Amino acid sequence: MQKTICFTGPESSGKTTLARQLATHFNVPLVEESARTYLSRLGRSYQEEDLFVIAGAHLDSVRKADSVPGLLIDTDLTVIKIWSQEKFGRVDERILALCNAERYDLYLLCKPDLLWQPDPQRENPFDRHRLFDIYVDELSKAKKNFRVVEGMREKRFQNALKWCDDYFENGLIPKLQ
């Protein structure tokens, strides 16, 4: 049975860096963030409909990797749901349905306690903590098994590692109390 750990959270909160570090550490595959690839090839400003295309590409990437016993996933559809609400003031019903159906064994919610890293695809440098609170609320309402990862560099890695160790060593994921 496949076990999955997904990294989620606001922009520039260290999701990709942490996902890559842990994929290397555990020698497991990583599903890279679909939005970054899609947007870099788009050649125009994205529109609301593009978010549904990105959601589909994300799910396709996860499905293609579903034969491996352990998998790390850089971002989830919660990111697209919150992104849509923030940018367009609404969320397409198709994205809501996909987001509600998406389930991974463990979500590592990256706290935005790192310095902002400028990037042409990032849009929210000043309200990452407000967005983080939205992530906590969304994951809690959806009853998803998540842990908050925080700290700088090695401390952040060790923080995430403690949540992943049992998972990859023993096939266990600690349950929330």
Foldseek 3Di string as FASTA:
>chain_A
DAAEEEEAAAPPLCLVVLLVVVCVVLVHEEQEQQVVVCVVPVPDDDDLVVLVVSLVVQVVSCVVRVVDRYYYYRYHLVRSQLVCCVPPVHHDPVSVVSRLPDAHQEYEYGQNPDQDDDDPVHDDRDCRNVRSVVVVVVCVVSVHHYDYFDDDDPNSSVSVCVQCVCCSPVVDGDGDD
